[in-house]
PDB file of all heavy atoms in Angstrom:
ATOM      1  N   TYR A   1       0.839  -1.178  -0.003  1.00  0.00           N
ATOM      2  CA  TYR A   1      -0.006   0.002  -0.007  1.00  0.00           C
ATOM      3  C   TYR A   1       0.861   1.255   0.009  1.00  0.00           C
ATOM      4  O   TYR A   1       0.627   2.168  -0.755  1.00  0.00           O
ATOM      5  CB  TYR A   1      -0.910   0.008   1.255  1.00  0.00           C
ATOM      6  CG  TYR A   1      -1.681   1.305   1.413  1.00  0.00           C
ATOM      7  CD1 TYR A   1      -2.875   1.517   0.734  1.00  0.00           C
ATOM      8  CD2 TYR A   1      -1.247   2.267   2.262  1.00  0.00           C
ATOM      9  CE1 TYR A   1      -3.600   2.703   0.876  1.00  0.00           C
ATOM     10  CE2 TYR A   1      -1.940   3.474   2.447  1.00  0.00           C
ATOM     11  CZ  TYR A   1      -3.127   3.674   1.746  1.00  0.00           C
ATOM     12  OH  TYR A   1      -3.827   4.851   1.892  1.00  0.00           O
ATOM     13  N   TRP A   2       1.904   1.261   0.822  1.00  0.00           N
ATOM     14  CA  TRP A   2       2.724   2.470   0.926  1.00  0.00           C
ATOM     15  C   TRP A   2       3.591   2.705  -0.299  1.00  0.00           C
ATOM     16  O   TRP A   2       3.903   3.788  -0.660  1.00  0.00           O
ATOM     17  CB  TRP A   2       3.564   2.420   2.201  1.00  0.00           C
ATOM     18  CG  TRP A   2       2.704   2.368   3.393  1.00  0.00           C
ATOM     19  CD1 TRP A   2       2.440   1.371   4.260  1.00  0.00           C
ATOM     20  CD2 TRP A   2       1.864   3.470   3.823  1.00  0.00           C
ATOM     21  NE1 TRP A   2       1.547   1.735   5.208  1.00  0.00           N
ATOM     22  CE2 TRP A   2       1.179   3.021   4.995  1.00  0.00           C
ATOM     23  CE3 TRP A   2       1.653   4.800   3.405  1.00  0.00           C
ATOM     24  CZ2 TRP A   2       0.259   3.823   5.653  1.00  0.00           C
ATOM     25  CZ3 TRP A   2       0.772   5.578   4.048  1.00  0.00           C
ATOM     26  CH2 TRP A   2       0.070   5.092   5.195  1.00  0.00           C
ATOM     27  N   ARG A   3       3.942   1.617  -1.014  1.00  0.00           N
ATOM     28  CA  ARG A   3       4.569   1.738  -2.332  1.00  0.00           C
ATOM     29  C   ARG A   3       3.682   2.437  -3.273  1.00  0.00           C
ATOM     30  O   ARG A   3       4.054   3.377  -4.038  1.00  0.00           O
ATOM     31  CB  ARG A   3       4.986   0.424  -2.833  1.00  0.00           C
ATOM     32  CG  ARG A   3       6.216  -0.240  -2.206  1.00  0.00           C
ATOM     33  CD  ARG A   3       6.708  -1.439  -3.062  1.00  0.00           C
ATOM     34  NE  ARG A   3       7.854  -2.057  -2.483  1.00  0.00           N
ATOM     35  CZ  ARG A   3       7.771  -3.158  -1.753  1.00  0.00           C
ATOM     36  NH1 ARG A   3       6.580  -3.672  -1.380  1.00  0.00           N
ATOM     37  NH2 ARG A   3       8.845  -3.712  -1.233  1.00  0.00           N
ATOM     38  N   GLN A   4       2.417   2.038  -3.246  1.00  0.00           N
ATOM     39  CA  GLN A   4       1.406   2.608  -4.187  1.00  0.00           C
ATOM     40  C   GLN A   4       1.214   4.094  -3.912  1.00  0.00           C
ATOM     41  O   GLN A   4       1.040   4.916  -4.819  1.00  0.00           O
ATOM     42  CB  GLN A   4       0.096   1.862  -4.106  1.00  0.00           C
ATOM     43  CG  GLN A   4       0.144   0.448  -4.609  1.00  0.00           C
ATOM     44  CD  GLN A   4      -1.105  -0.316  -4.255  1.00  0.00           C
ATOM     45  OE1 GLN A   4      -2.066   0.210  -3.666  1.00  0.00           O
ATOM     46  NE2 GLN A   4      -1.135  -1.641  -4.595  1.00  0.00           N
ATOM     47  N   GLN A   5       1.274   4.490  -2.613  1.00  0.00           N
ATOM     48  CA  GLN A   5       1.075   5.876  -2.268  1.00  0.00           C
ATOM     49  C   GLN A   5       2.336   6.711  -2.522  1.00  0.00           C
ATOM     50  O   GLN A   5       2.308   7.918  -2.550  1.00  0.00           O
ATOM     51  CB  GLN A   5       0.688   5.989  -0.778  1.00  0.00           C
ATOM     52  CG  GLN A   5      -0.533   5.212  -0.373  1.00  0.00           C
ATOM     53  CD  GLN A   5      -1.746   5.462  -1.254  1.00  0.00           C
ATOM     54  OE1 GLN A   5      -2.146   6.609  -1.386  1.00  0.00           O
ATOM     55  NE2 GLN A   5      -2.351   4.443  -1.800  1.00  0.00           N
ATOM     56  N   GLY A   6       3.459   6.026  -2.703  1.00  0.00           N
ATOM     57  CA  GLY A   6       4.702   6.729  -3.018  1.00  0.00           C
ATOM     58  C   GLY A   6       5.474   7.228  -1.781  1.00  0.00           C
ATOM     59  O   GLY A   6       6.291   8.113  -1.913  1.00  0.00           O
ATOM     60  N   CYS A   7       5.179   6.633  -0.612  1.00  0.00           N
ATOM     61  CA  CYS A   7       5.852   7.159   0.574  1.00  0.00           C
ATOM     62  C   CYS A   7       6.269   6.036   1.564  1.00  0.00           C
ATOM     63  O   CYS A   7       6.259   6.266   2.752  1.00  0.00           O
ATOM     64  CB  CYS A   7       5.045   8.233   1.283  1.00  0.00           C
ATOM     65  SG  CYS A   7       3.315   7.830   1.524  1.00  0.00           S
ATOM     66  N   TRP A   8       6.630   4.899   1.023  1.00  0.00           N
ATOM     67  CA  TRP A   8       7.194   3.838   1.905  1.00  0.00           C
ATOM     68  C   TRP A   8       8.562   4.268   2.277  1.00  0.00           C
ATOM     69  O   TRP A   8       9.435   4.580   1.449  1.00  0.00           O
ATOM     70  CB  TRP A   8       7.181   2.489   1.142  1.00  0.00           C
ATOM     71  CG  TRP A   8       7.826   1.421   1.985  1.00  0.00           C
ATOM     72  CD1 TRP A   8       7.727   1.250   3.322  1.00  0.00           C
ATOM     73  CD2 TRP A   8       8.610   0.316   1.523  1.00  0.00           C
ATOM     74  NE1 TRP A   8       8.407   0.159   3.729  1.00  0.00           N
ATOM     75  CE2 TRP A   8       8.961  -0.441   2.672  1.00  0.00           C
ATOM     76  CE3 TRP A   8       9.085  -0.109   0.265  1.00  0.00           C
ATOM     77  CZ2 TRP A   8       9.734  -1.625   2.548  1.00  0.00           C
ATOM     78  CZ3 TRP A   8       9.833  -1.248   0.210  1.00  0.00           C
ATOM     79  CH2 TRP A   8      10.176  -2.004   1.289  1.00  0.00           C
ATOM     80  N   ASP A   9       8.856   4.322   3.564  1.00  0.00           N
ATOM     81  CA  ASP A   9      10.120   4.803   4.137  1.00  0.00           C
ATOM     82  C   ASP A   9      11.130   3.703   4.156  1.00  0.00           C
ATOM     83  O   ASP A   9      10.986   2.678   4.796  1.00  0.00           O
ATOM     84  CB  ASP A   9       9.863   5.308   5.586  1.00  0.00           C
ATOM     85  CG  ASP A   9      11.148   5.801   6.246  1.00  0.00           C
ATOM     86  OD1 ASP A   9      12.030   6.215   5.506  1.00  0.00           O
ATOM     87  OD2 ASP A   9      11.191   5.808   7.465  1.00  0.00           O
ATOM     88  N   THR A  10      12.215   3.957   3.383  1.00  0.00           N
ATOM     89  CA  THR A  10      13.356   2.978   3.389  1.00  0.00           C
ATOM     90  C   THR A  10      14.686   3.680   3.789  1.00  0.00           C
ATOM     91  O   THR A  10      15.687   3.048   3.877  1.00  0.00           O
ATOM     92  CB  THR A  10      13.527   2.334   1.990  1.00  0.00           C
ATOM     93  OG1 THR A  10      13.803   3.374   1.027  1.00  0.00           O
ATOM     94  CG2 THR A  10      12.262   1.570   1.570  1.00  0.00           C
ATOM     95  N   GLN A  11      14.611   4.995   3.948  1.00  0.00           N
ATOM     96  CA  GLN A  11      15.870   5.740   4.123  1.00  0.00           C
ATOM     97  C   GLN A  11      16.112   6.340   5.487  1.00  0.00           C
ATOM     98  O   GLN A  11      17.241   6.603   5.851  1.00  0.00           O
ATOM     99  CB  GLN A  11      15.880   6.924   3.094  1.00  0.00           C
ATOM    100  CG  GLN A  11      15.781   6.511   1.659  1.00  0.00           C
ATOM    101  CD  GLN A  11      16.916   5.596   1.197  1.00  0.00           C
ATOM    102  OE1 GLN A  11      18.053   5.861   1.567  1.00  0.00           O
ATOM    103  NE2 GLN A  11      16.607   4.571   0.437  1.00  0.00           N
ATOM    104  N   SER A  12      15.084   6.565   6.277  1.00  0.00           N
ATOM    105  CA  SER A  12      15.183   7.287   7.518  1.00  0.00           C
ATOM    106  C   SER A  12      15.913   6.457   8.602  1.00  0.00           C
ATOM    107  O   SER A  12      16.169   5.257   8.417  1.00  0.00           O
ATOM    108  CB  SER A  12      13.819   7.720   8.067  1.00  0.00           C
ATOM    109  OG  SER A  12      13.131   6.633   8.623  1.00  0.00           O
ATOM    110  N   GLU A  13      16.220   7.096   9.687  1.00  0.00           N
ATOM    111  CA  GLU A  13      16.811   6.424  10.842  1.00  0.00           C
ATOM    112  C   GLU A  13      15.867   5.290  11.358  1.00  0.00           C
ATOM    113  O   GLU A  13      16.397   4.205  11.679  1.00  0.00           O
ATOM    114  CB  GLU A  13      17.032   7.437  11.996  1.00  0.00           C
ATOM    115  CG  GLU A  13      18.180   8.386  11.768  1.00  0.00           C
ATOM    116  CD  GLU A  13      19.527   7.730  12.035  1.00  0.00           C
ATOM    117  OE1 GLU A  13      19.608   6.913  12.980  1.00  0.00           O
ATOM    118  OE2 GLU A  13      20.497   8.002  11.265  1.00  0.00           O
ATOM    119  N   LEU A  14      14.606   5.564  11.340  1.00  0.00           N
ATOM    120  CA  LEU A  14      13.644   4.549  11.847  1.00  0.00           C
ATOM    121  C   LEU A  14      13.504   3.380  10.912  1.00  0.00           C
ATOM    122  O   LEU A  14      13.154   2.286  11.315  1.00  0.00           O
ATOM    123  CB  LEU A  14      12.278   5.198  12.118  1.00  0.00           C
ATOM    124  CG  LEU A  14      12.219   6.276  13.214  1.00  0.00           C
ATOM    125  CD1 LEU A  14      10.854   6.924  13.240  1.00  0.00           C
ATOM    126  CD2 LEU A  14      12.608   5.624  14.555  1.00  0.00           C
ATOM    127  N   ALA A  15      13.815   3.579   9.591  1.00  0.00           N
ATOM    128  CA  ALA A  15      13.689   2.518   8.633  1.00  0.00           C
ATOM    129  C   ALA A  15      14.978   1.666   8.602  1.00  0.00           C
ATOM    130  O   ALA A  15      15.003   0.648   7.848  1.00  0.00           O
ATOM    131  CB  ALA A  15      13.393   3.099   7.283  1.00  0.00           C
ATOM    132  N   ASN A  16      15.977   2.051   9.413  1.00  0.00           N
ATOM    133  CA  ASN A  16      17.239   1.364   9.336  1.00  0.00           C
ATOM    134  C   ASN A  16      17.856   1.031  10.685  1.00  0.00           C
ATOM    135  O   ASN A  16      19.061   0.730  10.806  1.00  0.00           O
ATOM    136  CB  ASN A  16      18.265   2.163   8.515  1.00  0.00           C
ATOM    137  CG  ASN A  16      17.916   2.100   7.029  1.00  0.00           C
ATOM    138  OD1 ASN A  16      18.198   1.194   6.324  1.00  0.00           O
ATOM    139  ND2 ASN A  16      17.303   3.224   6.526  1.00  0.00           N
ATOM    140  N   ASN A  17      17.013   1.107  11.740  1.00  0.00           N
ATOM    141  CA  ASN A  17      17.422   0.736  13.089  1.00  0.00           C
ATOM    142  C   ASN A  17      16.268   0.108  13.819  1.00  0.00           C
ATOM    143  O   ASN A  17      15.125   0.491  13.609  1.00  0.00           O
ATOM    144  CB  ASN A  17      17.934   1.953  13.832  1.00  0.00           C
ATOM    145  CG  ASN A  17      19.283   2.427  13.349  1.00  0.00           C
ATOM    146  OD1 ASN A  17      20.293   1.755  13.534  1.00  0.00           O
ATOM    147  ND2 ASN A  17      19.293   3.604  12.686  1.00  0.00           N
ATOM    148  N   ALA A  18      16.588  -0.802  14.700  1.00  0.00           N
ATOM    149  CA  ALA A  18      15.544  -1.386  15.517  1.00  0.00           C
ATOM    150  C   ALA A  18      14.997  -0.358  16.519  1.00  0.00           C
ATOM    151  O   ALA A  18      13.823  -0.305  16.814  1.00  0.00           O
ATOM    152  CB  ALA A  18      16.056  -2.593  16.292  1.00  0.00           C
ATOM    153  N   THR A  19      15.900   0.476  17.040  1.00  0.00           N
ATOM    154  CA  THR A  19      15.536   1.642  17.849  1.00  0.00           C
ATOM    155  C   THR A  19      16.406   2.772  17.452  1.00  0.00           C
ATOM    156  O   THR A  19      17.500   2.631  16.977  1.00  0.00           O
ATOM    157  CB  THR A  19      15.669   1.346  19.385  1.00  0.00           C
ATOM    158  OG1 THR A  19      17.087   1.030  19.665  1.00  0.00           O
ATOM    159  CG2 THR A  19      14.834   0.201  19.806  1.00  0.00           C
ATOM    160  N   SER A  20      15.873   4.009  17.657  1.00  0.00           N
ATOM    161  CA  SER A  20      16.603   5.227  17.289  1.00  0.00           C
ATOM    162  C   SER A  20      16.338   6.328  18.286  1.00  0.00           C
ATOM    163  O   SER A  20      15.173   6.459  18.792  1.00  0.00           O
ATOM    164  CB  SER A  20      16.163   5.689  15.840  1.00  0.00           C
ATOM    165  OG  SER A  20      16.756   6.908  15.580  1.00  0.00           O
ATOM    166  N   ASP A  21      17.376   7.102  18.639  1.00  0.00           N
ATOM    167  CA  ASP A  21      17.179   8.225  19.473  1.00  0.00           C
ATOM    168  C   ASP A  21      16.550   9.411  18.774  1.00  0.00           C
ATOM    169  O   ASP A  21      16.251  10.434  19.399  1.00  0.00           O
ATOM    170  CB  ASP A  21      18.479   8.646  20.113  1.00  0.00           C
ATOM    171  CG  ASP A  21      19.572   9.044  19.124  1.00  0.00           C
ATOM    172  OD1 ASP A  21      19.266   9.176  17.951  1.00  0.00           O
ATOM    173  OD2 ASP A  21      20.694   9.287  19.575  1.00  0.00           O
ATOM    174  N   TYR A  22      16.362   9.284  17.464  1.00  0.00           N
ATOM    175  CA  TYR A  22      15.692  10.347  16.699  1.00  0.00           C
ATOM    176  C   TYR A  22      14.182  10.165  16.703  1.00  0.00           C
ATOM    177  O   TYR A  22      13.746   9.010  16.498  1.00  0.00           O
ATOM    178  CB  TYR A  22      16.215  10.348  15.249  1.00  0.00           C
ATOM    179  CG  TYR A  22      15.499  11.404  14.345  1.00  0.00           C
ATOM    180  CD1 TYR A  22      15.957  12.686  14.342  1.00  0.00           C
ATOM    181  CD2 TYR A  22      14.440  11.017  13.573  1.00  0.00           C
ATOM    182  CE1 TYR A  22      15.315  13.639  13.522  1.00  0.00           C
ATOM    183  CE2 TYR A  22      13.799  11.941  12.783  1.00  0.00           C
ATOM    184  CZ  TYR A  22      14.260  13.260  12.743  1.00  0.00           C
ATOM    185  OH  TYR A  22      13.619  14.206  11.965  1.00  0.00           O
ATOM    186  N   PRO A  23      13.358  11.145  16.940  1.00  0.00           N
ATOM    187  CA  PRO A  23      13.747  12.524  17.215  1.00  0.00           C
ATOM    188  C   PRO A  23      13.637  12.859  18.712  1.00  0.00           C
ATOM    189  O   PRO A  23      13.834  14.035  19.070  1.00  0.00           O
ATOM    190  CB  PRO A  23      12.702  13.334  16.402  1.00  0.00           C
ATOM    191  CG  PRO A  23      11.482  12.521  16.502  1.00  0.00           C
ATOM    192  CD  PRO A  23      11.911  11.057  16.566  1.00  0.00           C
ATOM    193  N   TYR A  24      13.279  11.929  19.583  1.00  0.00           N
ATOM    194  CA  TYR A  24      12.910  12.304  20.946  1.00  0.00           C
ATOM    195  C   TYR A  24      13.975  11.872  21.962  1.00  0.00           C
ATOM    196  O   TYR A  24      13.823  12.293  23.146  1.00  0.00           O
ATOM    197  CB  TYR A  24      11.584  11.566  21.334  1.00  0.00           C
ATOM    198  CG  TYR A  24      10.463  11.941  20.391  1.00  0.00           C
ATOM    199  CD1 TYR A  24       9.842  11.027  19.586  1.00  0.00           C
ATOM    200  CD2 TYR A  24       9.967  13.303  20.434  1.00  0.00           C
ATOM    201  CE1 TYR A  24       8.790  11.377  18.779  1.00  0.00           C
ATOM    202  CE2 TYR A  24       8.877  13.618  19.631  1.00  0.00           C
ATOM    203  CZ  TYR A  24       8.266  12.677  18.813  1.00  0.00           C
ATOM    204  OH  TYR A  24       7.254  13.022  17.991  1.00  0.00           O
ATOM    205  N   ASN A  25      14.952  11.131  21.614  1.00  0.00           N
ATOM    206  CA  ASN A  25      16.011  10.738  22.531  1.00  0.00           C
ATOM    207  C   ASN A  25      15.455   9.945  23.708  1.00  0.00           C
ATOM    208  O   ASN A  25      15.839  10.146  24.878  1.00  0.00           O
ATOM    209  CB  ASN A  25      16.864  11.901  23.005  1.00  0.00           C
ATOM    210  CG  ASN A  25      18.159  11.501  23.661  1.00  0.00           C
ATOM    211  OD1 ASN A  25      18.719  10.488  23.257  1.00  0.00           O
ATOM    212  ND2 ASN A  25      18.582  12.291  24.676  1.00  0.00           N
TER     213      ASN A  25
END
């Protein structure tokens, strides 16, 4: 579905880590 909408996230910190301090630490 998100591919079809054009906004599936593959690049952000959240898309490349199990947990991330971005943006709330």
